[in-house]
N, C-alpha and C. Protein backbone atom coordinates (compact mmCIF):
# COMPACT_ATOMS: atom_id res chain seq x y z
N MET A 1 0.73 -1.10 0.14
CA MET A 1 0.08 0.33 -0.22
C MET A 1 0.82 1.04 -0.01
N ALA A 2 1.90 1.46 1.27
CA ALA A 2 3.16 2.30 0.91
C ALA A 2 3.35 2.63 -0.16
N ASN A 3 4.02 1.71 -1.00
CA ASN A 3 4.58 1.88 -2.19
C ASN A 3 4.37 2.56 -3.35
N SER A 4 2.80 2.12 -3.59
CA SER A 4 1.91 3.19 -4.25
C SER A 4 2.08 4.43 -3.84
N ILE A 5 2.14 5.01 -2.97
CA ILE A 5 1.81 6.22 -2.56
C ILE A 5 3.46 6.56 -2.45
N PHE A 6 4.29 6.06 -2.73
CA PHE A 6 5.85 6.46 -2.64
C PHE A 6 6.21 6.70 -3.89
N MET A 7 5.88 5.72 -4.73
CA MET A 7 6.11 5.42 -6.24
C MET A 7 5.67 6.46 -7.18
N ASP A 8 3.89 7.07 -6.42
CA ASP A 8 3.33 8.69 -7.15
C ASP A 8 4.24 9.60 -6.29
N LEU A 9 4.86 9.46 -5.46
CA LEU A 9 5.75 11.11 -5.21
C LEU A 9 6.86 11.17 -5.66
N PHE A 10 7.62 10.28 -6.35
CA PHE A 10 8.95 9.82 -6.78
C PHE A 10 8.33 10.05 -8.62
N LYS A 11 7.10 9.88 -9.09
CA LYS A 11 7.20 10.37 -10.62
C LYS A 11 6.35 11.76 -10.55
N ARG A 12 5.66 12.02 -9.46
CA ARG A 12 5.59 13.75 -9.25
C ARG A 12 6.93 14.82 -8.98
N TYR A 13 7.59 13.86 -8.34
CA TYR A 13 8.64 14.50 -7.60
C TYR A 13 10.33 13.78 -7.85
N PRO A 14 10.93 13.58 -9.55
CA PRO A 14 11.77 12.60 -9.30
C PRO A 14 13.04 13.00 -8.51
N MET A 15 13.34 14.00 -8.59
CA MET A 15 14.71 14.12 -7.82
C MET A 15 14.52 13.67 -6.09
N LEU A 16 13.44 13.38 -5.53
CA LEU A 16 13.11 12.60 -4.22
C LEU A 16 13.33 11.23 -4.57
N GLN A 17 13.96 10.49 -5.72
CA GLN A 17 14.14 9.28 -5.50
C GLN A 17 14.94 8.77 -4.71
N GLU A 18 16.05 9.67 -5.21
CA GLU A 18 17.31 9.39 -4.03
C GLU A 18 17.34 9.30 -3.09
N LEU A 19 16.17 9.42 -1.91
CA LEU A 19 15.55 9.50 -0.82
C LEU A 19 14.86 8.61 -0.34
N GLU A 20 14.45 7.59 -1.28
CA GLU A 20 13.50 6.50 -1.29
C GLU A 20 13.86 5.59 0.40
N GLU A 21 15.62 5.61 0.22
CA GLU A 21 15.40 4.57 1.67
C GLU A 21 15.28 5.40 2.97
N GLU A 22 15.85 6.13 2.92
CA GLU A 22 15.22 7.22 3.86
C GLU A 22 13.70 7.91 4.03
N ILE A 23 13.03 7.91 3.15
CA ILE A 23 11.52 7.80 3.20
C ILE A 23 11.29 6.75 3.55
N TYR A 24 11.56 5.29 3.46
CA TYR A 24 10.68 4.23 4.20
C TYR A 24 11.42 3.80 5.53
N LYS A 25 12.71 4.26 6.10
CA LYS A 25 12.93 4.17 7.04
C LYS A 25 11.95 4.99 7.98
N ALA A 26 11.71 6.49 7.42
CA ALA A 26 10.97 7.48 8.15
C ALA A 26 9.32 6.34 8.53
N TYR A 27 8.79 5.96 7.29
CA TYR A 27 8.00 5.19 7.52
C TYR A 27 7.34 4.34 8.24
N ASP A 28 8.85 3.21 8.13
CA ASP A 28 8.71 2.14 9.34
C ASP A 28 8.79 2.70 10.87
N THR A 29 9.69 3.44 10.91
CA THR A 29 9.88 4.42 12.18
C THR A 29 8.35 5.03 12.92
N LEU A 30 7.62 5.31 11.87
CA LEU A 30 6.28 6.03 12.32
C LEU A 30 5.04 5.05 12.88
N CYS A 31 5.19 3.81 11.46
CA CYS A 31 4.30 2.78 11.75
C CYS A 31 4.48 1.99 13.04
N TYR A 32 5.92 1.89 13.68
CA TYR A 32 6.24 1.16 14.88
C TYR A 32 5.52 1.91 15.74
N CYS A 33 6.12 3.29 15.87
CA CYS A 33 5.76 4.06 16.93
C CYS A 33 4.44 3.85 17.58
N TYR A 34 3.11 4.11 16.00
CA TYR A 34 1.82 4.29 16.38
C TYR A 34 1.30 2.82 16.70
N GLU A 35 1.91 1.85 16.11
CA GLU A 35 1.42 0.53 16.55
C GLU A 35 2.07 0.12 18.12
N ASN A 36 3.02 0.98 18.83
CA ASN A 36 3.19 0.44 20.19
C ASN A 36 2.87 1.66 21.11
N GLY A 37 1.68 2.55 20.92
CA GLY A 37 0.95 3.45 21.58
C GLY A 37 1.70 4.59 21.96
N GLY A 38 2.47 4.98 20.98
CA GLY A 38 3.62 6.35 21.00
C GLY A 38 2.96 7.60 20.04
N LYS A 39 4.08 8.53 20.56
CA LYS A 39 3.13 9.62 19.59
C LYS A 39 4.70 10.41 19.00
N VAL A 40 4.05 11.59 18.46
CA VAL A 40 4.99 11.98 17.42
C VAL A 40 5.53 13.66 18.20
N LEU A 41 6.83 13.62 18.39
CA LEU A 41 7.31 15.08 18.76
C LEU A 41 7.76 15.71 17.47
N ILE A 42 6.95 17.04 16.99
CA ILE A 42 7.55 17.40 16.12
C ILE A 42 7.79 19.35 16.19
N CYS A 43 8.87 19.70 15.69
CA CYS A 43 9.34 21.05 15.55
C CYS A 43 10.39 21.91 14.72
N GLY A 44 10.39 22.93 14.53
CA GLY A 44 10.71 23.59 13.79
C GLY A 44 10.53 24.97 13.69
N ASN A 45 11.17 25.77 13.09
CA ASN A 45 11.42 27.48 13.44
C ASN A 45 11.01 28.21 12.24
N GLY A 46 10.24 29.25 11.90
CA GLY A 46 9.48 29.75 11.03
C GLY A 46 8.70 29.40 10.38
N GLY A 47 8.92 28.98 8.82
CA GLY A 47 8.43 28.44 8.01
C GLY A 47 8.26 26.85 8.33
N SER A 48 9.71 26.44 8.60
CA SER A 48 9.71 24.93 9.16
C SER A 48 8.59 24.75 10.61
N ALA A 49 8.59 25.36 11.55
CA ALA A 49 7.36 25.58 12.24
C ALA A 49 6.11 25.33 12.00
N ALA A 50 5.59 26.26 10.89
CA ALA A 50 4.43 25.91 10.17
C ALA A 50 4.42 24.77 9.58
N ASP A 51 5.72 23.93 9.10
CA ASP A 51 5.52 22.61 8.62
C ASP A 51 5.44 21.81 9.74
N ALA A 52 5.88 21.94 10.88
CA ALA A 52 5.03 21.21 12.08
C ALA A 52 3.99 20.91 11.99
N GLY A 53 3.37 22.21 12.58
CA GLY A 53 1.98 22.33 12.66
C GLY A 53 1.34 21.72 11.76
N HIS A 54 1.96 21.73 10.85
CA HIS A 54 0.72 21.47 9.04
C HIS A 54 0.64 19.82 9.48
N MET A 55 2.04 19.48 9.67
CA MET A 55 2.22 17.76 10.00
C MET A 55 1.44 17.06 11.07
N THR A 56 1.60 17.68 12.17
CA THR A 56 0.72 17.26 13.12
C THR A 56 -0.82 17.50 12.96
N ALA A 57 -1.25 18.31 12.22
CA ALA A 57 -2.91 18.58 11.87
C ALA A 57 -3.11 17.30 11.04
N GLU A 58 -2.26 16.96 10.19
CA GLU A 58 -2.82 15.85 8.89
C GLU A 58 -2.62 14.69 9.82
N LEU A 59 -1.95 14.35 11.09
CA LEU A 59 -2.09 13.20 11.68
C LEU A 59 -3.10 12.77 12.94
N MET A 60 -3.28 13.81 13.23
CA MET A 60 -4.01 14.01 14.86
C MET A 60 -5.50 14.30 13.97
N LYS A 61 -5.87 14.04 12.67
CA LYS A 61 -7.45 13.55 12.32
C LYS A 61 -7.86 13.31 11.00
N GLY A 62 -8.73 12.97 10.47
CA GLY A 62 -8.66 12.44 9.25
C GLY A 62 -7.89 13.61 8.16
N PHE A 63 -7.00 12.74 7.10
CA PHE A 63 -6.84 13.86 6.12
C PHE A 63 -7.27 13.08 4.92
N LEU A 64 -6.92 11.81 4.44
CA LEU A 64 -7.82 11.71 3.07
C LEU A 64 -9.17 10.91 3.58
N LEU A 65 -8.94 10.00 4.37
CA LEU A 65 -9.66 9.02 5.26
C LEU A 65 -10.44 9.62 6.21
N PRO A 66 -11.86 9.37 6.64
CA PRO A 66 -12.72 9.31 7.52
C PRO A 66 -12.25 9.54 9.33
N ARG A 67 -11.75 8.11 9.12
CA ARG A 67 -11.52 7.61 10.66
C ARG A 67 -12.68 7.70 11.72
N LYS A 68 -13.45 7.41 11.39
CA LYS A 68 -14.83 7.14 12.19
C LYS A 68 -14.82 6.44 13.42
N LEU A 69 -15.70 7.01 14.40
CA LEU A 69 -15.26 5.51 15.32
C LEU A 69 -15.88 4.52 15.42
N GLN A 70 -15.22 3.60 15.99
CA GLN A 70 -16.51 2.43 15.83
C GLN A 70 -17.30 2.17 17.04
N LYS A 71 -18.08 1.19 16.91
CA LYS A 71 -19.26 1.05 17.71
C LYS A 71 -19.23 1.37 18.98
N THR A 72 -18.00 0.56 19.85
CA THR A 72 -17.67 0.52 21.07
C THR A 72 -17.40 1.60 21.51
N ASP A 73 -16.37 2.61 20.60
CA ASP A 73 -16.16 3.71 21.64
C ASP A 73 -17.20 4.87 21.15
N VAL A 74 -17.97 4.66 20.40
CA VAL A 74 -19.46 5.34 20.31
C VAL A 74 -20.74 5.14 21.32
N ASN A 75 -20.39 3.96 21.70
CA ASN A 75 -21.65 3.69 22.92
C ASN A 75 -20.97 4.20 24.14
N ASN A 76 -19.32 4.41 24.07
CA ASN A 76 -18.76 5.22 25.54
C ASN A 76 -19.60 6.87 25.62
N PHE A 77 -20.14 7.23 24.30
CA PHE A 77 -20.78 8.59 24.48
C PHE A 77 -22.02 8.25 25.20
N SER A 78 -22.39 6.91 25.15
CA SER A 78 -23.95 7.19 25.92
C SER A 78 -24.71 7.45 27.13
N VAL A 79 -23.56 8.19 27.92
CA VAL A 79 -23.82 8.64 28.93
C VAL A 79 -23.32 10.67 28.60
N ALA A 80 -23.51 10.68 27.77
CA ALA A 80 -22.75 12.25 27.19
C ALA A 80 -23.34 12.56 26.61
N ASP A 81 -23.37 12.76 24.94
CA ASP A 81 -24.02 13.08 23.76
C ASP A 81 -23.35 12.31 22.32
N TYR A 82 -24.46 11.28 22.16
CA TYR A 82 -23.70 10.18 20.74
C TYR A 82 -23.39 11.88 19.50
N SER A 83 -24.40 12.65 19.18
CA SER A 83 -23.96 13.33 18.37
C SER A 83 -22.19 14.09 18.57
N ILE A 84 -21.46 14.08 19.32
CA ILE A 84 -19.74 14.66 19.45
C ILE A 84 -19.43 13.31 18.91
N ALA A 85 -19.71 11.89 19.24
CA ALA A 85 -18.97 10.77 19.05
C ALA A 85 -19.20 10.73 17.35
N GLN A 86 -20.14 11.25 16.60
CA GLN A 86 -20.38 10.96 15.01
C GLN A 86 -19.74 11.94 14.49
N ARG A 87 -18.57 13.16 15.00
CA ARG A 87 -18.36 14.26 14.48
C ARG A 87 -16.74 13.91 14.52
N LEU A 88 -16.52 13.34 15.99
CA LEU A 88 -15.11 12.86 16.35
C LEU A 88 -14.31 11.99 15.53
N GLN A 89 -12.74 11.89 15.17
CA GLN A 89 -11.92 11.12 14.45
C GLN A 89 -11.31 10.81 14.97
N TYR A 90 -10.48 9.64 14.56
CA TYR A 90 -9.22 8.85 15.53
C TYR A 90 -8.20 9.37 14.99
N GLY A 91 -7.33 9.80 16.22
CA GLY A 91 -6.03 10.37 15.78
C GLY A 91 -4.99 9.62 15.94
N LEU A 92 -4.08 10.27 15.27
CA LEU A 92 -2.54 9.43 15.15
C LEU A 92 -1.84 10.64 16.21
N PRO A 93 -1.46 10.49 17.34
CA PRO A 93 -1.05 11.09 18.78
C PRO A 93 0.32 12.13 18.25
N ALA A 94 -0.02 13.25 17.74
CA ALA A 94 1.40 14.40 17.51
C ALA A 94 1.24 15.72 18.29
N ILE A 95 2.26 16.21 18.46
CA ILE A 95 2.40 17.47 18.96
C ILE A 95 3.33 18.34 18.31
N SER A 96 2.77 19.61 17.97
CA SER A 96 3.59 20.58 17.33
C SER A 96 4.53 21.19 18.58
N LEU A 97 5.60 20.95 18.75
CA LEU A 97 6.24 22.04 20.01
C LEU A 97 6.41 23.12 19.62
N SER A 98 6.66 23.71 18.31
CA SER A 98 6.48 25.03 17.83
C SER A 98 5.23 25.64 18.09
N ALA A 99 4.35 25.20 18.63
CA ALA A 99 2.69 26.08 18.83
C ALA A 99 2.48 26.20 20.31
N GLN A 100 3.80 26.06 21.02
CA GLN A 100 3.56 26.10 22.47
C GLN A 100 4.05 27.55 22.96
N CYS A 101 3.00 28.39 22.55
CA CYS A 101 3.95 29.89 22.81
C CYS A 101 3.99 30.40 23.87
N GLU A 102 3.20 30.03 25.43
CA GLU A 102 3.41 30.42 26.47
C GLU A 102 4.43 29.33 27.12
N LEU A 103 4.60 28.33 27.11
CA LEU A 103 5.70 27.39 27.47
C LEU A 103 6.92 28.09 26.70
N MET A 104 7.11 28.07 25.48
CA MET A 104 8.20 28.47 25.01
C MET A 104 8.84 29.79 25.40
N THR A 105 8.13 30.41 25.95
CA THR A 105 8.58 31.97 26.04
C THR A 105 9.09 31.79 27.68
N ALA A 106 8.39 30.84 28.04
CA ALA A 106 8.86 30.73 29.38
C ALA A 106 10.45 29.79 29.82
N ILE A 107 10.71 28.73 28.97
CA ILE A 107 11.86 28.18 28.38
C ILE A 107 12.55 29.31 28.27
N SER A 108 12.54 29.84 27.30
CA SER A 108 13.32 31.28 26.38
C SER A 108 13.81 31.69 27.75
N ASN A 109 12.81 32.31 28.73
CA ASN A 109 13.62 33.49 29.78
C ASN A 109 14.18 32.62 30.38
N ASP A 110 13.61 31.70 30.89
CA ASP A 110 14.35 30.86 32.35
C ASP A 110 15.60 30.25 31.82
N ASN A 111 15.54 29.57 31.08
CA ASN A 111 16.96 28.21 30.95
C ASN A 111 17.64 28.75 29.59
N GLY A 112 17.14 29.88 28.28
CA GLY A 112 17.55 29.93 27.14
C GLY A 112 17.04 29.49 26.09
N ALA A 113 16.77 30.35 24.77
CA ALA A 113 16.12 29.88 23.67
C ALA A 113 16.72 28.93 22.98
N ASP A 114 17.66 28.39 23.00
CA ASP A 114 18.06 26.85 22.60
C ASP A 114 17.46 26.15 23.06
N MET A 115 16.60 25.76 24.50
CA MET A 115 16.17 24.78 25.01
C MET A 115 14.83 24.98 24.99
N VAL A 116 14.03 25.38 23.94
CA VAL A 116 12.67 26.11 24.18
C VAL A 116 12.01 24.54 23.06
N PHE A 117 12.85 23.65 22.60
CA PHE A 117 12.18 22.47 22.07
C PHE A 117 12.76 21.23 23.09
N ALA A 118 14.26 21.36 23.38
CA ALA A 118 14.73 20.40 24.18
C ALA A 118 14.12 19.97 25.54
N GLN A 119 13.48 21.29 26.09
CA GLN A 119 12.85 20.99 27.16
C GLN A 119 11.37 20.45 27.03
N GLN A 120 10.38 20.49 26.11
CA GLN A 120 9.74 19.84 25.80
C GLN A 120 9.72 18.43 25.79
N VAL A 121 10.80 18.33 24.21
CA VAL A 121 10.99 16.52 24.63
C VAL A 121 11.00 15.95 25.66
N PHE A 122 11.94 16.56 26.58
CA PHE A 122 12.32 15.99 27.95
C PHE A 122 11.17 15.65 28.57
N GLY A 123 10.25 16.72 28.89
CA GLY A 123 8.99 16.44 29.49
C GLY A 123 8.33 15.90 28.86
N TYR A 124 7.36 15.71 27.45
CA TYR A 124 6.93 14.74 27.15
C TYR A 124 7.02 13.46 26.51
N ALA A 125 8.84 13.18 26.63
CA ALA A 125 8.78 11.94 25.77
C ALA A 125 8.26 10.82 26.21
N LYS A 126 7.85 9.74 25.75
CA LYS A 126 7.88 8.44 26.69
C LYS A 126 8.22 7.47 25.56
N PRO A 127 8.54 6.06 26.45
CA PRO A 127 8.57 5.10 25.10
C PRO A 127 7.94 4.77 24.31
N ASN A 128 8.21 4.60 22.89
CA ASN A 128 7.71 4.39 21.62
C ASN A 128 7.43 5.46 20.82
N ASP A 129 7.81 7.01 21.71
CA ASP A 129 7.63 8.26 20.82
C ASP A 129 8.65 8.44 20.12
N VAL A 130 8.74 9.10 18.43
CA VAL A 130 9.28 9.44 17.82
C VAL A 130 9.64 10.90 17.95
N PHE A 131 10.88 11.85 17.48
CA PHE A 131 11.11 13.03 17.74
C PHE A 131 11.12 13.39 15.95
N ILE A 132 10.70 14.46 15.62
CA ILE A 132 10.85 14.89 14.33
C ILE A 132 11.35 16.59 13.94
N GLY A 133 12.38 16.72 13.61
CA GLY A 133 12.84 18.18 13.41
C GLY A 133 12.97 18.71 12.10
N PHE A 134 12.42 19.47 11.70
CA PHE A 134 12.71 20.45 10.71
C PHE A 134 13.68 21.57 10.97
N SER A 135 14.55 21.73 9.54
CA SER A 135 15.75 22.63 9.62
C SER A 135 16.18 22.64 8.38
N THR A 136 15.83 23.73 7.75
CA THR A 136 16.60 23.88 6.30
C THR A 136 18.05 23.61 6.35
N SER A 137 18.53 24.35 7.20
CA SER A 137 20.00 24.26 7.12
C SER A 137 20.58 22.80 8.12
N GLY A 138 19.60 22.48 8.71
CA GLY A 138 20.20 21.42 9.94
C GLY A 138 20.79 21.62 11.05
N ASN A 139 21.46 23.26 11.11
CA ASN A 139 21.89 23.75 12.26
C ASN A 139 21.46 24.44 13.22
N SER A 140 20.21 24.49 12.63
CA SER A 140 19.10 25.48 13.72
C SER A 140 19.12 24.42 15.34
N LEU A 141 19.74 25.79 16.20
CA LEU A 141 20.41 25.47 17.37
C LEU A 141 19.41 24.44 18.38
N ASN A 142 18.18 25.17 18.43
CA ASN A 142 17.58 24.72 19.37
C ASN A 142 16.49 23.22 18.62
N VAL A 143 16.74 23.27 17.23
CA VAL A 143 16.18 21.90 16.80
C VAL A 143 17.33 20.98 17.10
N VAL A 144 18.67 21.08 17.37
CA VAL A 144 19.51 20.65 17.37
C VAL A 144 19.38 19.81 18.82
N GLN A 145 19.42 21.07 20.11
CA GLN A 145 19.40 20.49 21.21
C GLN A 145 18.19 19.18 21.56
N ALA A 146 16.97 19.61 21.08
CA ALA A 146 16.05 18.77 21.12
C ALA A 146 16.23 17.67 20.63
N ALA A 147 16.97 17.11 19.55
CA ALA A 147 17.30 15.90 18.66
C ALA A 147 18.44 15.56 19.49
N LYS A 148 19.39 15.81 20.06
CA LYS A 148 20.12 15.26 21.08
C LYS A 148 19.58 14.84 22.63
N THR A 149 18.57 15.69 22.88
CA THR A 149 17.70 15.12 24.09
C THR A 149 16.98 13.82 23.72
N ALA A 150 16.33 13.83 22.39
CA ALA A 150 16.07 12.88 22.00
C ALA A 150 16.53 11.38 22.05
N LYS A 151 17.71 11.87 21.55
CA LYS A 151 18.50 10.42 21.68
C LYS A 151 19.38 10.08 22.98
N ALA A 152 19.41 11.26 23.63
CA ALA A 152 19.83 10.89 25.36
C ALA A 152 18.17 10.02 25.71
N LEU A 153 17.17 10.13 25.57
CA LEU A 153 15.82 9.36 25.68
C LEU A 153 15.79 8.29 25.20
N GLN A 154 16.84 8.15 24.21
CA GLN A 154 16.08 6.73 23.37
C GLN A 154 15.42 6.94 22.49
N LEU A 155 14.74 8.18 21.77
CA LEU A 155 13.77 8.44 21.35
C LEU A 155 14.51 8.23 19.50
N PRO A 156 13.80 7.21 18.43
CA PRO A 156 14.08 7.63 17.09
C PRO A 156 14.26 9.23 16.53
N CYS A 157 14.99 9.41 15.90
CA CYS A 157 14.97 10.77 15.42
C CYS A 157 14.87 10.92 13.96
N ILE A 158 14.05 11.61 13.32
CA ILE A 158 13.49 11.80 11.96
C ILE A 158 14.07 13.36 11.64
N VAL A 159 14.97 13.81 10.57
CA VAL A 159 15.01 15.11 10.61
C VAL A 159 14.72 15.78 8.89
N PHE A 160 13.91 16.55 9.13
CA PHE A 160 13.66 17.20 7.71
C PHE A 160 14.94 18.21 7.17
N THR A 161 15.73 18.06 6.28
CA THR A 161 16.86 19.25 6.24
C THR A 161 17.08 19.83 4.75
N GLY A 162 18.10 20.48 4.33
CA GLY A 162 18.34 20.56 2.93
C GLY A 162 19.06 19.57 2.53
N ASN A 163 20.08 19.94 1.47
CA ASN A 163 20.87 18.66 1.11
C ASN A 163 22.28 18.56 2.09
N ASN A 164 22.85 19.80 2.95
CA ASN A 164 23.80 19.49 3.37
C ASN A 164 23.41 18.75 4.65
N GLY A 165 22.44 18.59 5.16
CA GLY A 165 21.86 18.04 6.49
C GLY A 165 22.39 18.79 7.57
N GLY A 166 23.65 19.40 7.51
CA GLY A 166 24.07 19.79 8.64
C GLY A 166 24.30 19.32 10.05
N THR A 167 24.10 19.32 10.97
CA THR A 167 24.41 18.81 12.16
C THR A 167 23.21 17.67 12.54
N LEU A 168 22.20 18.37 12.35
CA LEU A 168 20.80 17.07 12.54
C LEU A 168 21.01 15.87 11.44
N LYS A 169 21.83 16.01 10.65
CA LYS A 169 22.14 14.61 9.92
C LYS A 169 22.50 14.05 10.14
N THR A 170 23.39 14.13 11.39
CA THR A 170 24.37 13.20 12.46
C THR A 170 24.01 12.32 13.66
N LEU A 171 22.74 13.62 13.70
CA LEU A 171 21.50 12.62 14.90
C LEU A 171 20.61 11.67 14.17
N ALA A 172 20.31 11.64 13.00
CA ALA A 172 18.85 11.12 12.80
C ALA A 172 18.98 9.84 12.38
N ASP A 173 18.09 8.98 12.46
CA ASP A 173 17.73 7.81 12.11
C ASP A 173 17.34 7.79 10.70
N ALA A 174 16.25 8.79 10.33
CA ALA A 174 15.71 8.86 8.96
C ALA A 174 16.04 10.25 8.53
N LYS A 175 16.99 10.33 7.59
CA LYS A 175 17.76 11.58 7.14
C LYS A 175 17.01 11.99 6.03
N LEU A 176 16.02 12.76 5.93
CA LEU A 176 15.14 13.25 4.97
C LEU A 176 15.79 14.61 4.38
N CYS A 177 17.01 14.37 3.67
CA CYS A 177 17.75 15.89 3.14
C CYS A 177 17.78 15.91 1.68
N VAL A 178 16.61 16.63 1.55
CA VAL A 178 16.44 17.03 0.21
C VAL A 178 17.42 17.28 -0.63
N PRO A 179 17.22 17.77 -2.08
CA PRO A 179 18.67 17.78 -2.55
C PRO A 179 18.41 19.32 -3.49
N GLU A 180 18.28 20.12 -2.59
CA GLU A 180 18.11 21.79 -2.52
C GLU A 180 18.90 22.11 -1.40
N ASN A 181 19.16 23.84 -1.67
CA ASN A 181 20.00 24.24 -1.17
C ASN A 181 19.47 26.02 -0.69
N MET A 182 18.46 26.16 -1.28
CA MET A 182 17.86 27.43 -1.31
C MET A 182 16.86 27.23 -0.08
N THR A 183 16.52 27.99 0.92
CA THR A 183 15.62 27.83 1.97
C THR A 183 14.38 27.48 1.62
N TYR A 184 13.36 28.50 0.63
CA TYR A 184 12.19 27.97 0.28
C TYR A 184 11.98 27.03 -0.74
N LYS A 185 13.30 26.59 -1.75
CA LYS A 185 13.75 25.25 -2.19
C LYS A 185 12.91 24.11 -1.24
N ILE A 186 13.83 23.94 -0.21
CA ILE A 186 13.98 23.07 0.59
C ILE A 186 12.98 22.51 1.38
N GLN A 187 12.00 23.58 1.50
CA GLN A 187 10.51 23.82 2.29
C GLN A 187 9.60 23.38 1.19
N GLU A 188 9.65 23.63 -0.29
CA GLU A 188 8.80 22.96 -1.05
C GLU A 188 8.87 21.38 -1.29
N LEU A 189 10.14 20.87 -1.00
CA LEU A 189 10.14 19.81 -0.88
C LEU A 189 9.92 18.62 -0.10
N HIS A 190 9.91 19.46 1.62
CA HIS A 190 9.23 18.80 2.44
C HIS A 190 8.49 18.42 2.62
N LEU A 191 7.33 19.56 2.06
CA LEU A 191 5.61 18.96 2.08
C LEU A 191 5.30 18.12 1.57
N PRO A 192 5.94 18.22 0.36
CA PRO A 192 5.26 16.76 -0.79
C PRO A 192 5.61 15.35 0.17
N ILE A 193 6.51 15.31 0.92
CA ILE A 193 7.27 14.16 1.32
C ILE A 193 6.77 13.68 3.19
N TYR A 194 6.42 14.67 3.85
CA TYR A 194 5.12 14.48 5.07
C TYR A 194 4.01 14.37 4.30
N HIS A 195 3.56 14.80 3.63
CA HIS A 195 2.37 14.50 3.01
C HIS A 195 2.23 13.11 2.73
N ALA A 196 3.29 12.23 1.80
CA ALA A 196 2.88 10.91 1.44
C ALA A 196 2.94 10.24 2.65
N LEU A 197 3.88 10.85 3.80
CA LEU A 197 4.40 9.93 4.82
C LEU A 197 2.92 9.95 5.71
N CYS A 198 2.30 11.14 5.98
CA CYS A 198 0.92 10.80 6.42
C CYS A 198 -0.26 10.32 5.75
N ILE A 199 -0.21 9.86 4.60
CA ILE A 199 -1.40 9.36 3.78
C ILE A 199 -1.03 8.26 4.11
N ALA A 200 0.31 7.49 3.25
CA ALA A 200 0.55 6.21 3.93
C ALA A 200 0.43 5.41 5.53
N ILE A 201 0.75 5.94 6.27
CA ILE A 201 0.23 6.35 7.50
C ILE A 201 -1.04 5.88 7.81
N GLU A 202 -1.87 6.92 7.50
CA GLU A 202 -3.21 6.85 7.88
C GLU A 202 -3.66 5.64 7.14
N LYS A 203 -3.48 5.26 5.74
CA LYS A 203 -3.87 4.15 4.97
C LYS A 203 -3.87 2.96 5.63
N ARG A 204 -2.27 2.60 6.53
CA ARG A 204 -1.91 1.74 6.75
C ARG A 204 -2.45 1.39 8.35
N PHE A 205 -3.41 2.06 9.02
CA PHE A 205 -4.39 2.35 10.39
C PHE A 205 -5.70 2.76 10.01
N PHE A 206 -6.01 2.96 8.95
CA PHE A 206 -7.22 3.10 8.74
C PHE A 206 -8.18 2.79 7.43
N ASN A 207 -7.54 2.22 6.75
CA ASN A 207 -7.99 1.77 5.38
C ASN A 207 -9.63 1.23 5.52
N ASN A 208 -9.59 0.59 6.35
CA ASN A 208 -11.10 -0.47 7.01
C ASN A 208 -11.93 0.36 7.10
């Protein structure tokens, strides 16, 4: 099932074919996470923060599939309101660390701006979680510190970077270093990769 999705990705973006092995590593890592009750912690700065939020949104609710609740879960709403259950969807747990404004400013003020994501990783991380870091240079210090924290906690790391990969490449289990060097071109190639990953993972868990 995932094969056809990734083959379509490579057909539309031939330059990403060179990342096939790493994309499958990312897919397998995320599937293992969700099969074992984990969640995904995602971060980035600026446009990459938007990508972190975007990917979180695709995971946390229906993307291409409806993800309707099963009867057993609907029945749990008999003491509340069935209409809520009819509008809820199953989520693949994910947190955008870039969206925690109040927490980020507190950490920045008390511990330093480079620690805004590392502190969250340390606070949120549980066994079977996965860390995803977006950085077009691969050297964004706050993302690097978070990746190092994730590694210390034995979380697998998936990184989205540019051609060089930077420091993040050395910390990653799956290295999605797209073949571009300009920031906006790198970001343009990150989006179709994480869309394809989200589609493949959704079909893996919700196709029936």
